[in-house]
Amino acid sequence: MRADMLTSILKELNGTSADIEASAVISTDGLTMATLLPADMDQDRVGAMSAAMLSLGDRTSKELARGTLEQVLVKGDSGYVLMTYAGKEAVLTIIAKPNAKLGLIFLDVKRAAESIAKLI
């Protein structure tokens, strides 16, 4: 039931922008809770990498006195990966196209993360 609700939030998020190619909700220990990923993408690997990157970003933010971590953004020549906390127990990860309008995506991701945090 909860997985269906999380998937519904992901579908709505993916529908807000053609620039969002995939999304996932992952527990902070790396287990996938809901995903909308391409068939060729291993959800367990995405989960583990997302949790690890967010944990590293959290530690970096604290060690360098930058305050509480809000998000981790990875930019590659084929697009972006954005990870943000969705409450204390989950991570929202999205994969976006290289020409994505990041400002709009940040806003949509923030709203989706708030909805996810209320469910978890």
PDB file of N, CA and C in Angstrom:
ATOM      1  N   MET A   1       0.817  -1.197   0.000  1.00  0.00           N
ATOM      2  CA  MET A   1       0.000   0.000   0.000  1.00  0.00           C
ATOM      3  C   MET A   1       0.862   1.262   0.000  1.00  0.00           C
ATOM      4  N   ARG A   2       1.819   1.321   0.944  1.00  0.00           N
ATOM      5  CA  ARG A   2       2.708   2.484   1.005  1.00  0.00           C
ATOM      6  C   ARG A   2       3.563   2.578  -0.247  1.00  0.00           C
ATOM      7  N   ALA A   3       4.016   1.436  -0.761  1.00  0.00           N
ATOM      8  CA  ALA A   3       4.820   1.433  -1.982  1.00  0.00           C
ATOM      9  C   ALA A   3       4.018   1.995  -3.151  1.00  0.00           C
ATOM     10  N   ASP A   4       2.735   1.676  -3.214  1.00  0.00           N
ATOM     11  CA  ASP A   4       1.876   2.218  -4.271  1.00  0.00           C
ATOM     12  C   ASP A   4       1.753   3.730  -4.158  1.00  0.00           C
ATOM     13  N   MET A   5       1.646   4.225  -2.958  1.00  0.00           N
ATOM     14  CA  MET A   5       1.528   5.670  -2.738  1.00  0.00           C
ATOM     15  C   MET A   5       2.834   6.372  -3.105  1.00  0.00           C
ATOM     16  N   LEU A   6       3.951   5.755  -2.762  1.00  0.00           N
ATOM     17  CA  LEU A   6       5.250   6.326  -3.123  1.00  0.00           C
ATOM     18  C   LEU A   6       5.424   6.330  -4.645  1.00  0.00           C
ATOM     19  N   THR A   7       5.028   5.250  -5.293  1.00  0.00           N
ATOM     20  CA  THR A   7       5.110   5.174  -6.751  1.00  0.00           C
ATOM     21  C   THR A   7       4.234   6.239  -7.393  1.00  0.00           C
ATOM     22  N   SER A   8       3.088   6.485  -6.810  1.00  0.00           N
ATOM     23  CA  SER A   8       2.189   7.529  -7.316  1.00  0.00           C
ATOM     24  C   SER A   8       2.848   8.908  -7.241  1.00  0.00           C
ATOM     25  N   ILE A   9       3.554   9.171  -6.146  1.00  0.00           N
ATOM     26  CA  ILE A   9       4.272  10.449  -6.001  1.00  0.00           C
ATOM     27  C   ILE A   9       5.368  10.546  -7.062  1.00  0.00           C
ATOM     28  N   LEU A  10       6.068   9.446  -7.297  1.00  0.00           N
ATOM     29  CA  LEU A  10       7.122   9.441  -8.325  1.00  0.00           C
ATOM     30  C   LEU A  10       6.544   9.678  -9.718  1.00  0.00           C
ATOM     31  N   LYS A  11       5.406   9.054 -10.009  1.00  0.00           N
ATOM     32  CA  LYS A  11       4.766   9.260 -11.313  1.00  0.00           C
ATOM     33  C   LYS A  11       4.381  10.721 -11.503  1.00  0.00           C
ATOM     34  N   GLU A  12       3.841  11.316 -10.456  1.00  0.00           N
ATOM     35  CA  GLU A  12       3.471  12.731 -10.524  1.00  0.00           C
ATOM     36  C   GLU A  12       4.711  13.599 -10.724  1.00  0.00           C
ATOM     37  N   LEU A  13       5.785  13.290  -9.997  1.00  0.00           N
ATOM     38  CA  LEU A  13       7.038  14.038 -10.138  1.00  0.00           C
ATOM     39  C   LEU A  13       7.583  13.913 -11.554  1.00  0.00           C
ATOM     40  N   ASN A  14       7.660  12.708 -12.066  1.00  0.00           N
ATOM     41  CA  ASN A  14       8.182  12.493 -13.420  1.00  0.00           C
ATOM     42  C   ASN A  14       7.317  13.198 -14.465  1.00  0.00           C
ATOM     43  N   GLY A  15       6.035  13.314 -14.193  1.00  0.00           N
ATOM     44  CA  GLY A  15       5.124  13.967 -15.116  1.00  0.00           C
ATOM     45  C   GLY A  15       5.220  15.488 -15.108  1.00  0.00           C
ATOM     46  N   THR A  16       5.835  16.061 -14.072  1.00  0.00           N
ATOM     47  CA  THR A  16       5.928  17.526 -13.987  1.00  0.00           C
ATOM     48  C   THR A  16       6.931  18.103 -14.968  1.00  0.00           C
ATOM     49  N   SER A  17       7.888  17.300 -15.394  1.00  0.00           N
ATOM     50  CA  SER A  17       8.925  17.803 -16.285  1.00  0.00           C
ATOM     51  C   SER A  17       9.384  16.708 -17.242  1.00  0.00           C
ATOM     52  N   ALA A  18       9.464  17.049 -18.501  1.00  0.00           N
ATOM     53  CA  ALA A  18       9.988  16.099 -19.487  1.00  0.00           C
ATOM     54  C   ALA A  18      11.483  15.884 -19.292  1.00  0.00           C
ATOM     55  N   ASP A  19      12.124  16.748 -18.496  1.00  0.00           N
ATOM     56  CA  ASP A  19      13.561  16.634 -18.242  1.00  0.00           C
ATOM     57  C   ASP A  19      13.901  15.537 -17.229  1.00  0.00           C
ATOM     58  N   ILE A  20      12.924  15.099 -16.443  1.00  0.00           N
ATOM     59  CA  ILE A  20      13.158  14.031 -15.466  1.00  0.00           C
ATOM     60  C   ILE A  20      12.980  12.696 -16.161  1.00  0.00           C
ATOM     61  N   GLU A  21      14.043  11.907 -16.193  1.00  0.00           N
ATOM     62  CA  GLU A  21      14.030  10.615 -16.892  1.00  0.00           C
ATOM     63  C   GLU A  21      13.697   9.443 -15.972  1.00  0.00           C
ATOM     64  N   ALA A  22      14.031   9.555 -14.684  1.00  0.00           N
ATOM     65  CA  ALA A  22      13.804   8.458 -13.756  1.00  0.00           C
ATOM     66  C   ALA A  22      13.815   8.999 -12.334  1.00  0.00           C
ATOM     67  N   SER A  23      13.234   8.226 -11.417  1.00  0.00           N
ATOM     68  CA  SER A  23      13.231   8.638 -10.014  1.00  0.00           C
ATOM     69  C   SER A  23      13.111   7.404  -9.122  1.00  0.00           C
ATOM     70  N   ALA A  24      13.498   7.597  -7.864  1.00  0.00           N
ATOM     71  CA  ALA A  24      13.427   6.495  -6.909  1.00  0.00           C
ATOM     72  C   ALA A  24      13.360   7.040  -5.489  1.00  0.00           C
ATOM     73  N   VAL A  25      12.691   6.289  -4.628  1.00  0.00           N
ATOM     74  CA  VAL A  25      12.698   6.565  -3.188  1.00  0.00           C
ATOM     75  C   VAL A  25      13.471   5.427  -2.558  1.00  0.00           C
ATOM     76  N   ILE A  26      14.475   5.796  -1.773  1.00  0.00           N
ATOM     77  CA  ILE A  26      15.400   4.821  -1.211  1.00  0.00           C
ATOM     78  C   ILE A  26      15.538   5.083   0.274  1.00  0.00           C
ATOM     79  N   SER A  27      15.604   4.032   1.076  1.00  0.00           N
ATOM     80  CA  SER A  27      15.842   4.220   2.510  1.00  0.00           C
ATOM     81  C   SER A  27      17.272   4.704   2.700  1.00  0.00           C
ATOM     82  N   THR A  28      17.531   5.350   3.823  1.00  0.00           N
ATOM     83  CA  THR A  28      18.874   5.892   4.056  1.00  0.00           C
ATOM     84  C   THR A  28      19.932   4.798   4.170  1.00  0.00           C
ATOM     85  N   ASP A  29      19.504   3.545   4.342  1.00  0.00           N
ATOM     86  CA  ASP A  29      20.485   2.456   4.348  1.00  0.00           C
ATOM     87  C   ASP A  29      20.615   1.791   2.975  1.00  0.00           C
ATOM     88  N   GLY A  30      19.968   2.351   1.945  1.00  0.00           N
ATOM     89  CA  GLY A  30      20.192   1.918   0.574  1.00  0.00           C
ATOM     90  C   GLY A  30      19.180   0.957  -0.021  1.00  0.00           C
ATOM     91  N   LEU A  31      18.114   0.641   0.708  1.00  0.00           N
ATOM     92  CA  LEU A  31      17.098  -0.269   0.187  1.00  0.00           C
ATOM     93  C   LEU A  31      16.048   0.506  -0.600  1.00  0.00           C
ATOM     94  N   THR A  32      15.695   0.021  -1.781  1.00  0.00           N
ATOM     95  CA  THR A  32      14.713   0.731  -2.590  1.00  0.00           C
ATOM     96  C   THR A  32      13.317   0.527  -2.019  1.00  0.00           C
ATOM     97  N   MET A  33      12.568   1.621  -1.985  1.00  0.00           N
ATOM     98  CA  MET A  33      11.189   1.601  -1.478  1.00  0.00           C
ATOM     99  C   MET A  33      10.193   1.714  -2.636  1.00  0.00           C
ATOM    100  N   ALA A  34      10.549   2.501  -3.646  1.00  0.00           N
ATOM    101  CA  ALA A  34       9.736   2.651  -4.858  1.00  0.00           C
ATOM    102  C   ALA A  34      10.636   3.216  -5.945  1.00  0.00           C
ATOM    103  N   THR A  35      10.442   2.761  -7.176  1.00  0.00           N
ATOM    104  CA  THR A  35      11.282   3.255  -8.272  1.00  0.00           C
ATOM    105  C   THR A  35      10.487   3.390  -9.561  1.00  0.00           C
ATOM    106  N   LEU A  36      10.917   4.335 -10.369  1.00  0.00           N
ATOM    107  CA  LEU A  36      10.496   4.456 -11.765  1.00  0.00           C
ATOM    108  C   LEU A  36      11.780   4.621 -12.560  1.00  0.00           C
ATOM    109  N   LEU A  37      12.459   3.504 -12.757  1.00  0.00           N
ATOM    110  CA  LEU A  37      13.759   3.487 -13.425  1.00  0.00           C
ATOM    111  C   LEU A  37      13.657   2.738 -14.749  1.00  0.00           C
ATOM    112  N   PRO A  38      14.538   3.069 -15.708  1.00  0.00           N
ATOM    113  CA  PRO A  38      14.576   2.288 -16.951  1.00  0.00           C
ATOM    114  C   PRO A  38      14.929   0.832 -16.653  1.00  0.00           C
ATOM    115  N   ALA A  39      14.490  -0.055 -17.520  1.00  0.00           N
ATOM    116  CA  ALA A  39      14.708  -1.494 -17.314  1.00  0.00           C
ATOM    117  C   ALA A  39      16.187  -1.860 -17.230  1.00  0.00           C
ATOM    118  N   ASP A  40      17.043  -1.086 -17.903  1.00  0.00           N
ATOM    119  CA  ASP A  40      18.472  -1.422 -17.914  1.00  0.00           C
ATOM    120  C   ASP A  40      19.221  -0.879 -16.694  1.00  0.00           C
ATOM    121  N   MET A  41      18.520  -0.263 -15.758  1.00  0.00           N
ATOM    122  CA  MET A  41      19.162   0.314 -14.583  1.00  0.00           C
ATOM    123  C   MET A  41      18.861  -0.570 -13.369  1.00  0.00           C
ATOM    124  N   ASP A  42      19.889  -1.031 -12.688  1.00  0.00           N
ATOM    125  CA  ASP A  42      19.749  -1.913 -11.535  1.00  0.00           C
ATOM    126  C   ASP A  42      19.313  -1.099 -10.317  1.00  0.00           C
ATOM    127  N   GLN A  43      18.099  -1.352  -9.826  1.00  0.00           N
ATOM    128  CA  GLN A  43      17.571  -0.563  -8.717  1.00  0.00           C
ATOM    129  C   GLN A  43      18.369  -0.749  -7.423  1.00  0.00           C
ATOM    130  N   ASP A  44      18.934  -1.921  -7.204  1.00  0.00           N
ATOM    131  CA  ASP A  44      19.743  -2.133  -6.000  1.00  0.00           C
ATOM    132  C   ASP A  44      21.018  -1.287  -6.045  1.00  0.00           C
ATOM    133  N   ARG A  45      21.618  -1.190  -7.210  1.00  0.00           N
ATOM    134  CA  ARG A  45      22.823  -0.383  -7.378  1.00  0.00           C
ATOM    135  C   ARG A  45      22.490   1.107  -7.195  1.00  0.00           C
ATOM    136  N   VAL A  46      21.391   1.547  -7.785  1.00  0.00           N
ATOM    137  CA  VAL A  46      20.964   2.936  -7.629  1.00  0.00           C
ATOM    138  C   VAL A  46      20.729   3.243  -6.150  1.00  0.00           C
ATOM    139  N   GLY A  47      20.087   2.322  -5.456  1.00  0.00           N
ATOM    140  CA  GLY A  47      19.828   2.508  -4.030  1.00  0.00           C
ATOM    141  C   GLY A  47      21.099   2.623  -3.215  1.00  0.00           C
ATOM    142  N   ALA A  48      22.022   1.728  -3.438  1.00  0.00           N
ATOM    143  CA  ALA A  48      23.283   1.742  -2.684  1.00  0.00           C
ATOM    144  C   ALA A  48      24.091   3.003  -2.971  1.00  0.00           C
ATOM    145  N   MET A  49      24.177   3.384  -4.247  1.00  0.00           N
ATOM    146  CA  MET A  49      24.953   4.580  -4.596  1.00  0.00           C
ATOM    147  C   MET A  49      24.307   5.845  -4.049  1.00  0.00           C
ATOM    148  N   SER A  50      22.994   5.927  -4.104  1.00  0.00           N
ATOM    149  CA  SER A  50      22.296   7.113  -3.606  1.00  0.00           C
ATOM    150  C   SER A  50      22.514   7.284  -2.109  1.00  0.00           C
ATOM    151  N   ALA A  51      22.368   6.204  -1.370  1.00  0.00           N
ATOM    152  CA  ALA A  51      22.565   6.277   0.078  1.00  0.00           C
ATOM    153  C   ALA A  51      24.007   6.645   0.410  1.00  0.00           C
ATOM    154  N   ALA A  52      24.953   6.060  -0.310  1.00  0.00           N
ATOM    155  CA  ALA A  52      26.367   6.353  -0.056  1.00  0.00           C
ATOM    156  C   ALA A  52      26.701   7.810  -0.377  1.00  0.00           C
ATOM    157  N   MET A  53      26.217   8.306  -1.514  1.00  0.00           N
ATOM    158  CA  MET A  53      26.507   9.697  -1.897  1.00  0.00           C
ATOM    159  C   MET A  53      25.881  10.686  -0.927  1.00  0.00           C
ATOM    160  N   LEU A  54      24.657  10.416  -0.489  1.00  0.00           N
ATOM    161  CA  LEU A  54      24.008  11.330   0.441  1.00  0.00           C
ATOM    162  C   LEU A  54      24.718  11.307   1.792  1.00  0.00           C
ATOM    163  N   SER A  55      25.155  10.144   2.212  1.00  0.00           N
ATOM    164  CA  SER A  55      25.894  10.036   3.465  1.00  0.00           C
ATOM    165  C   SER A  55      27.216  10.800   3.383  1.00  0.00           C
ATOM    166  N   LEU A  56      27.921  10.648   2.271  1.00  0.00           N
ATOM    167  CA  LEU A  56      29.178  11.367   2.078  1.00  0.00           C
ATOM    168  C   LEU A  56      28.948  12.871   2.006  1.00  0.00           C
ATOM    169  N   GLY A  57      27.898  13.284   1.310  1.00  0.00           N
ATOM    170  CA  GLY A  57      27.556  14.701   1.240  1.00  0.00           C
ATOM    171  C   GLY A  57      27.214  15.261   2.603  1.00  0.00           C
ATOM    172  N   ASP A  58      26.497  14.490   3.399  1.00  0.00           N
ATOM    173  CA  ASP A  58      26.128  14.901   4.752  1.00  0.00           C
ATOM    174  C   ASP A  58      27.374  15.121   5.605  1.00  0.00           C
ATOM    175  N   ARG A  59      28.276  14.171   5.537  1.00  0.00           N
ATOM    176  CA  ARG A  59      29.516  14.292   6.320  1.00  0.00           C
ATOM    177  C   ARG A  59      30.362  15.472   5.840  1.00  0.00           C
ATOM    178  N   THR A  60      30.470  15.658   4.531  1.00  0.00           N
ATOM    179  CA  THR A  60      31.235  16.763   3.966  1.00  0.00           C
ATOM    180  C   THR A  60      30.652  18.097   4.411  1.00  0.00           C
ATOM    181  N   SER A  61      29.341  18.210   4.340  1.00  0.00           N
ATOM    182  CA  SER A  61      28.658  19.442   4.730  1.00  0.00           C
ATOM    183  C   SER A  61      28.944  19.789   6.195  1.00  0.00           C
ATOM    184  N   LYS A  62      28.921  18.787   7.047  1.00  0.00           N
ATOM    185  CA  LYS A  62      29.192  19.010   8.467  1.00  0.00           C
ATOM    186  C   LYS A  62      30.667  19.338   8.725  1.00  0.00           C
ATOM    187  N   GLU A  63      31.566  18.544   8.117  1.00  0.00           N
ATOM    188  CA  GLU A  63      33.004  18.732   8.341  1.00  0.00           C
ATOM    189  C   GLU A  63      33.505  20.086   7.844  1.00  0.00           C
ATOM    190  N   LEU A  64      32.889  20.593   6.778  1.00  0.00           N
ATOM    191  CA  LEU A  64      33.315  21.871   6.211  1.00  0.00           C
ATOM    192  C   LEU A  64      32.431  23.029   6.674  1.00  0.00           C
ATOM    193  N   ALA A  65      31.668  22.787   7.744  1.00  0.00           N
ATOM    194  CA  ALA A  65      30.838  23.812   8.388  1.00  0.00           C
ATOM    195  C   ALA A  65      29.899  24.502   7.398  1.00  0.00           C
ATOM    196  N   ARG A  66      29.207  23.695   6.578  1.00  0.00           N
ATOM    197  CA  ARG A  66      28.239  24.236   5.621  1.00  0.00           C
ATOM    198  C   ARG A  66      26.806  24.034   6.086  1.00  0.00           C
ATOM    199  N   GLY A  67      26.636  23.529   7.297  1.00  0.00           N
ATOM    200  CA  GLY A  67      25.288  23.344   7.836  1.00  0.00           C
ATOM    201  C   GLY A  67      24.687  22.004   7.441  1.00  0.00           C
ATOM    202  N   THR A  68      23.376  21.950   7.549  1.00  0.00           N
ATOM    203  CA  THR A  68      22.636  20.732   7.248  1.00  0.00           C
ATOM    204  C   THR A  68      22.547  20.529   5.739  1.00  0.00           C
ATOM    205  N   LEU A  69      22.842  19.321   5.305  1.00  0.00           N
ATOM    206  CA  LEU A  69      22.799  18.991   3.875  1.00  0.00           C
ATOM    207  C   LEU A  69      21.378  19.084   3.351  1.00  0.00           C
ATOM    208  N   GLU A  70      21.218  19.728   2.202  1.00  0.00           N
ATOM    209  CA  GLU A  70      19.917  19.788   1.536  1.00  0.00           C
ATOM    210  C   GLU A  70      19.842  18.830   0.365  1.00  0.00           C
ATOM    211  N   GLN A  71      20.913  18.795  -0.450  1.00  0.00           N
ATOM    212  CA  GLN A  71      20.892  17.934  -1.617  1.00  0.00           C
ATOM    213  C   GLN A  71      22.299  17.702  -2.143  1.00  0.00           C
ATOM    214  N   VAL A  72      22.419  16.644  -2.929  1.00  0.00           N
ATOM    215  CA  VAL A  72      23.665  16.340  -3.633  1.00  0.00           C
ATOM    216  C   VAL A  72      23.330  16.331  -5.117  1.00  0.00           C
ATOM    217  N   LEU A  73      24.107  17.067  -5.888  1.00  0.00           N
ATOM    218  CA  LEU A  73      23.899  17.138  -7.330  1.00  0.00           C
ATOM    219  C   LEU A  73      25.161  16.647  -8.025  1.00  0.00           C
ATOM    220  N   VAL A  74      24.992  15.677  -8.910  1.00  0.00           N
ATOM    221  CA  VAL A  74      26.093  15.150  -9.706  1.00  0.00           C
ATOM    222  C   VAL A  74      25.791  15.493 -11.155  1.00  0.00           C
ATOM    223  N   LYS A  75      26.749  16.131 -11.821  1.00  0.00           N
ATOM    224  CA  LYS A  75      26.568  16.497 -13.226  1.00  0.00           C
ATOM    225  C   LYS A  75      27.558  15.718 -14.065  1.00  0.00           C
ATOM    226  N   GLY A  76      27.030  15.017 -15.041  1.00  0.00           N
ATOM    227  CA  GLY A  76      27.861  14.307 -16.005  1.00  0.00           C
ATOM    228  C   GLY A  76      27.547  14.825 -17.393  1.00  0.00           C
ATOM    229  N   ASP A  77      28.298  14.422 -18.386  1.00  0.00           N
ATOM    230  CA  ASP A  77      28.047  14.932 -19.735  1.00  0.00           C
ATOM    231  C   ASP A  77      26.736  14.403 -20.327  1.00  0.00           C
ATOM    232  N   SER A  78      26.142  13.388 -19.702  1.00  0.00           N
ATOM    233  CA  SER A  78      24.861  12.863 -20.180  1.00  0.00           C
ATOM    234  C   SER A  78      23.676  13.263 -19.309  1.00  0.00           C
ATOM    235  N   GLY A  79      23.923  14.106 -18.310  1.00  0.00           N
ATOM    236  CA  GLY A  79      22.814  14.569 -17.483  1.00  0.00           C
ATOM    237  C   GLY A  79      23.175  14.694 -16.015  1.00  0.00           C
ATOM    238  N   TYR A  80      22.129  14.771 -15.204  1.00  0.00           N
ATOM    239  CA  TYR A  80      22.266  15.032 -13.772  1.00  0.00           C
ATOM    240  C   TYR A  80      21.684  13.898 -12.944  1.00  0.00           C
ATOM    241  N   VAL A  81      22.217  13.762 -11.737  1.00  0.00           N
ATOM    242  CA  VAL A  81      21.623  12.931 -10.703  1.00  0.00           C
ATOM    243  C   VAL A  81      21.467  13.839  -9.495  1.00  0.00           C
ATOM    244  N   LEU A  82      20.258  13.935  -8.971  1.00  0.00           N
ATOM    245  CA  LEU A  82      19.970  14.779  -7.817  1.00  0.00           C
ATOM    246  C   LEU A  82      19.433  13.903  -6.706  1.00  0.00           C
ATOM    247  N   MET A  83      20.034  14.023  -5.536  1.00  0.00           N
ATOM    248  CA  MET A  83      19.600  13.272  -4.372  1.00  0.00           C
ATOM    249  C   MET A  83      19.276  14.247  -3.249  1.00  0.00           C
ATOM    250  N   THR A  84      18.143  14.024  -2.592  1.00  0.00           N
ATOM    251  CA  THR A  84      17.752  14.868  -1.484  1.00  0.00           C
ATOM    252  C   THR A  84      17.042  14.026  -0.431  1.00  0.00           C
ATOM    253  N   TYR A  85      17.159  14.442   0.826  1.00  0.00           N
ATOM    254  CA  TYR A  85      16.451  13.736   1.886  1.00  0.00           C
ATOM    255  C   TYR A  85      14.956  13.929   1.714  1.00  0.00           C
ATOM    256  N   ALA A  86      14.193  12.881   2.000  1.00  0.00           N
ATOM    257  CA  ALA A  86      12.737  12.933   2.042  1.00  0.00           C
ATOM    258  C   ALA A  86      12.362  12.466   3.453  1.00  0.00           C
ATOM    259  N   GLY A  87      12.536  13.349   4.414  1.00  0.00           N
ATOM    260  CA  GLY A  87      12.409  12.977   5.819  1.00  0.00           C
ATOM    261  C   GLY A  87      13.743  12.438   6.310  1.00  0.00           C
ATOM    262  N   LYS A  88      13.739  11.851   7.481  1.00  0.00           N
ATOM    263  CA  LYS A  88      14.987  11.349   8.066  1.00  0.00           C
ATOM    264  C   LYS A  88      15.324   9.932   7.622  1.00  0.00           C
ATOM    265  N   GLU A  89      14.348   9.236   7.055  1.00  0.00           N
ATOM    266  CA  GLU A  89      14.531   7.824   6.741  1.00  0.00           C
ATOM    267  C   GLU A  89      14.628   7.510   5.255  1.00  0.00           C
ATOM    268  N   ALA A  90      14.485   8.517   4.388  1.00  0.00           N
ATOM    269  CA  ALA A  90      14.442   8.215   2.958  1.00  0.00           C
ATOM    270  C   ALA A  90      15.195   9.255   2.139  1.00  0.00           C
ATOM    271  N   VAL A  91      15.559   8.828   0.933  1.00  0.00           N
ATOM    272  CA  VAL A  91      16.265   9.648  -0.041  1.00  0.00           C
ATOM    273  C   VAL A  91      15.445   9.638  -1.329  1.00  0.00           C
ATOM    274  N   LEU A  92      15.259  10.808  -1.917  1.00  0.00           N
ATOM    275  CA  LEU A  92      14.628  10.903  -3.227  1.00  0.00           C
ATOM    276  C   LEU A  92      15.733  11.161  -4.233  1.00  0.00           C
ATOM    277  N   THR A  93      15.836  10.287  -5.212  1.00  0.00           N
ATOM    278  CA  THR A  93      16.848  10.410  -6.264  1.00  0.00           C
ATOM    279  C   THR A  93      16.151  10.591  -7.598  1.00  0.00           C
ATOM    280  N   ILE A  94      16.608  11.563  -8.379  1.00  0.00           N
ATOM    281  CA  ILE A  94      16.080  11.725  -9.734  1.00  0.00           C
ATOM    282  C   ILE A  94      17.243  11.772 -10.719  1.00  0.00           C
ATOM    283  N   ILE A  95      16.952  11.345 -11.936  1.00  0.00           N
ATOM    284  CA  ILE A  95      17.915  11.398 -13.032  1.00  0.00           C
ATOM    285  C   ILE A  95      17.308  12.314 -14.084  1.00  0.00           C
ATOM    286  N   ALA A  96      18.080  13.337 -14.493  1.00  0.00           N
ATOM    287  CA  ALA A  96      17.560  14.339 -15.419  1.00  0.00           C
ATOM    288  C   ALA A  96      18.453  14.471 -16.647  1.00  0.00           C
ATOM    289  N   LYS A  97      17.863  14.991 -17.706  1.00  0.00           N
ATOM    290  CA  LYS A  97      18.569  15.208 -18.974  1.00  0.00           C
ATOM    291  C   LYS A  97      19.629  16.297 -18.835  1.00  0.00           C
ATOM    292  N   PRO A  98      20.620  16.315 -19.726  1.00  0.00           N
ATOM    293  CA  PRO A  98      21.708  17.291 -19.614  1.00  0.00           C
ATOM    294  C   PRO A  98      21.276  18.743 -19.796  1.00  0.00           C
ATOM    295  N   ASN A  99      20.199  18.984 -20.507  1.00  0.00           N
ATOM    296  CA  ASN A  99      19.737  20.357 -20.718  1.00  0.00           C
ATOM    297  C   ASN A  99      18.565  20.717 -19.806  1.00  0.00           C
ATOM    298  N   ALA A 100      18.432  20.001 -18.698  1.00  0.00           N
ATOM    299  CA  ALA A 100      17.304  20.183 -17.787  1.00  0.00           C
ATOM    300  C   ALA A 100      17.281  21.583 -17.171  1.00  0.00           C
ATOM    301  N   LYS A 101      16.077  22.069 -16.935  1.00  0.00           N
ATOM    302  CA  LYS A 101      15.869  23.336 -16.234  1.00  0.00           C
ATOM    303  C   LYS A 101      15.904  23.027 -14.733  1.00  0.00           C
ATOM    304  N   LEU A 102      17.075  23.180 -14.137  1.00  0.00           N
ATOM    305  CA  LEU A 102      17.287  22.726 -12.768  1.00  0.00           C
ATOM    306  C   LEU A 102      16.442  23.472 -11.743  1.00  0.00           C
ATOM    307  N   GLY A 103      16.212  24.748 -11.952  1.00  0.00           N
ATOM    308  CA  GLY A 103      15.414  25.513 -10.985  1.00  0.00           C
ATOM    309  C   GLY A 103      14.031  24.907 -10.790  1.00  0.00           C
ATOM    310  N   LEU A 104      13.377  24.572 -11.889  1.00  0.00           N
ATOM    311  CA  LEU A 104      12.053  23.963 -11.808  1.00  0.00           C
ATOM    312  C   LEU A 104      12.124  22.565 -11.196  1.00  0.00           C
ATOM    313  N   ILE A 105      13.155  21.833 -11.553  1.00  0.00           N
ATOM    314  CA  ILE A 105      13.313  20.489 -10.999  1.00  0.00           C
ATOM    315  C   ILE A 105      13.549  20.554  -9.493  1.00  0.00           C
ATOM    316  N   PHE A 106      14.381  21.486  -9.033  1.00  0.00           N
ATOM    317  CA  PHE A 106      14.616  21.634  -7.590  1.00  0.00           C
ATOM    318  C   PHE A 106      13.299  21.867  -6.855  1.00  0.00           C
ATOM    319  N   LEU A 107      12.458  22.718  -7.403  1.00  0.00           N
ATOM    320  CA  LEU A 107      11.173  23.023  -6.782  1.00  0.00           C
ATOM    321  C   LEU A 107      10.275  21.787  -6.751  1.00  0.00           C
ATOM    322  N   ASP A 108      10.170  21.087  -7.867  1.00  0.00           N
ATOM    323  CA  ASP A 108       9.331  19.887  -7.934  1.00  0.00           C
ATOM    324  C   ASP A 108       9.853  18.787  -7.011  1.00  0.00           C
ATOM    325  N   VAL A 109      11.163  18.633  -6.953  1.00  0.00           N
ATOM    326  CA  VAL A 109      11.760  17.612  -6.087  1.00  0.00           C
ATOM    327  C   VAL A 109      11.515  17.955  -4.617  1.00  0.00           C
ATOM    328  N   LYS A 110      11.617  19.215  -4.273  1.00  0.00           N
ATOM    329  CA  LYS A 110      11.358  19.620  -2.881  1.00  0.00           C
ATOM    330  C   LYS A 110       9.928  19.285  -2.474  1.00  0.00           C
ATOM    331  N   ARG A 111       8.978  19.569  -3.347  1.00  0.00           N
ATOM    332  CA  ARG A 111       7.576  19.264  -3.064  1.00  0.00           C
ATOM    333  C   ARG A 111       7.355  17.758  -2.935  1.00  0.00           C
ATOM    334  N   ALA A 112       7.940  16.987  -3.838  1.00  0.00           N
ATOM    335  CA  ALA A 112       7.795  15.536  -3.789  1.00  0.00           C
ATOM    336  C   ALA A 112       8.437  14.969  -2.528  1.00  0.00           C
ATOM    337  N   ALA A 113       9.590  15.488  -2.144  1.00  0.00           N
ATOM    338  CA  ALA A 113      10.272  15.019  -0.933  1.00  0.00           C
ATOM    339  C   ALA A 113       9.427  15.291   0.309  1.00  0.00           C
ATOM    340  N   GLU A 114       8.753  16.430   0.339  1.00  0.00           N
ATOM    341  CA  GLU A 114       7.864  16.737   1.468  1.00  0.00           C
ATOM    342  C   GLU A 114       6.694  15.769   1.528  1.00  0.00           C
ATOM    343  N   SER A 115       6.129  15.439   0.375  1.00  0.00           N
ATOM    344  CA  SER A 115       5.024  14.464   0.324  1.00  0.00           C
ATOM    345  C   SER A 115       5.480  13.085   0.781  1.00  0.00           C
ATOM    346  N   ILE A 116       6.675  12.694   0.346  1.00  0.00           N
ATOM    347  CA  ILE A 116       7.226  11.393   0.739  1.00  0.00           C
ATOM    348  C   ILE A 116       7.476  11.354   2.237  1.00  0.00           C
ATOM    349  N   ALA A 117       8.035  12.432   2.774  1.00  0.00           N
ATOM    350  CA  ALA A 117       8.334  12.477   4.215  1.00  0.00           C
ATOM    351  C   ALA A 117       7.067  12.312   5.049  1.00  0.00           C
ATOM    352  N   LYS A 118       5.955  12.829   4.586  1.00  0.00           N
ATOM    353  CA  LYS A 118       4.687  12.685   5.312  1.00  0.00           C
ATOM    354  C   LYS A 118       4.197  11.238   5.328  1.00  0.00           C
ATOM    355  N   LEU A 119       4.524  10.491   4.277  1.00  0.00           N
ATOM    356  CA  LEU A 119       4.098   9.086   4.191  1.00  0.00           C
ATOM    357  C   LEU A 119       4.944   8.146   5.040  1.00  0.00           C
ATOM    358  N   ILE A 120       6.189   8.516   5.222  1.00  0.00           N
ATOM    359  CA  ILE A 120       7.131   7.585   5.863  1.00  0.00           C
ATOM    360  C   ILE A 120       7.243   7.812   7.352  1.00  0.00           C
TER     361      ILE A 120
END
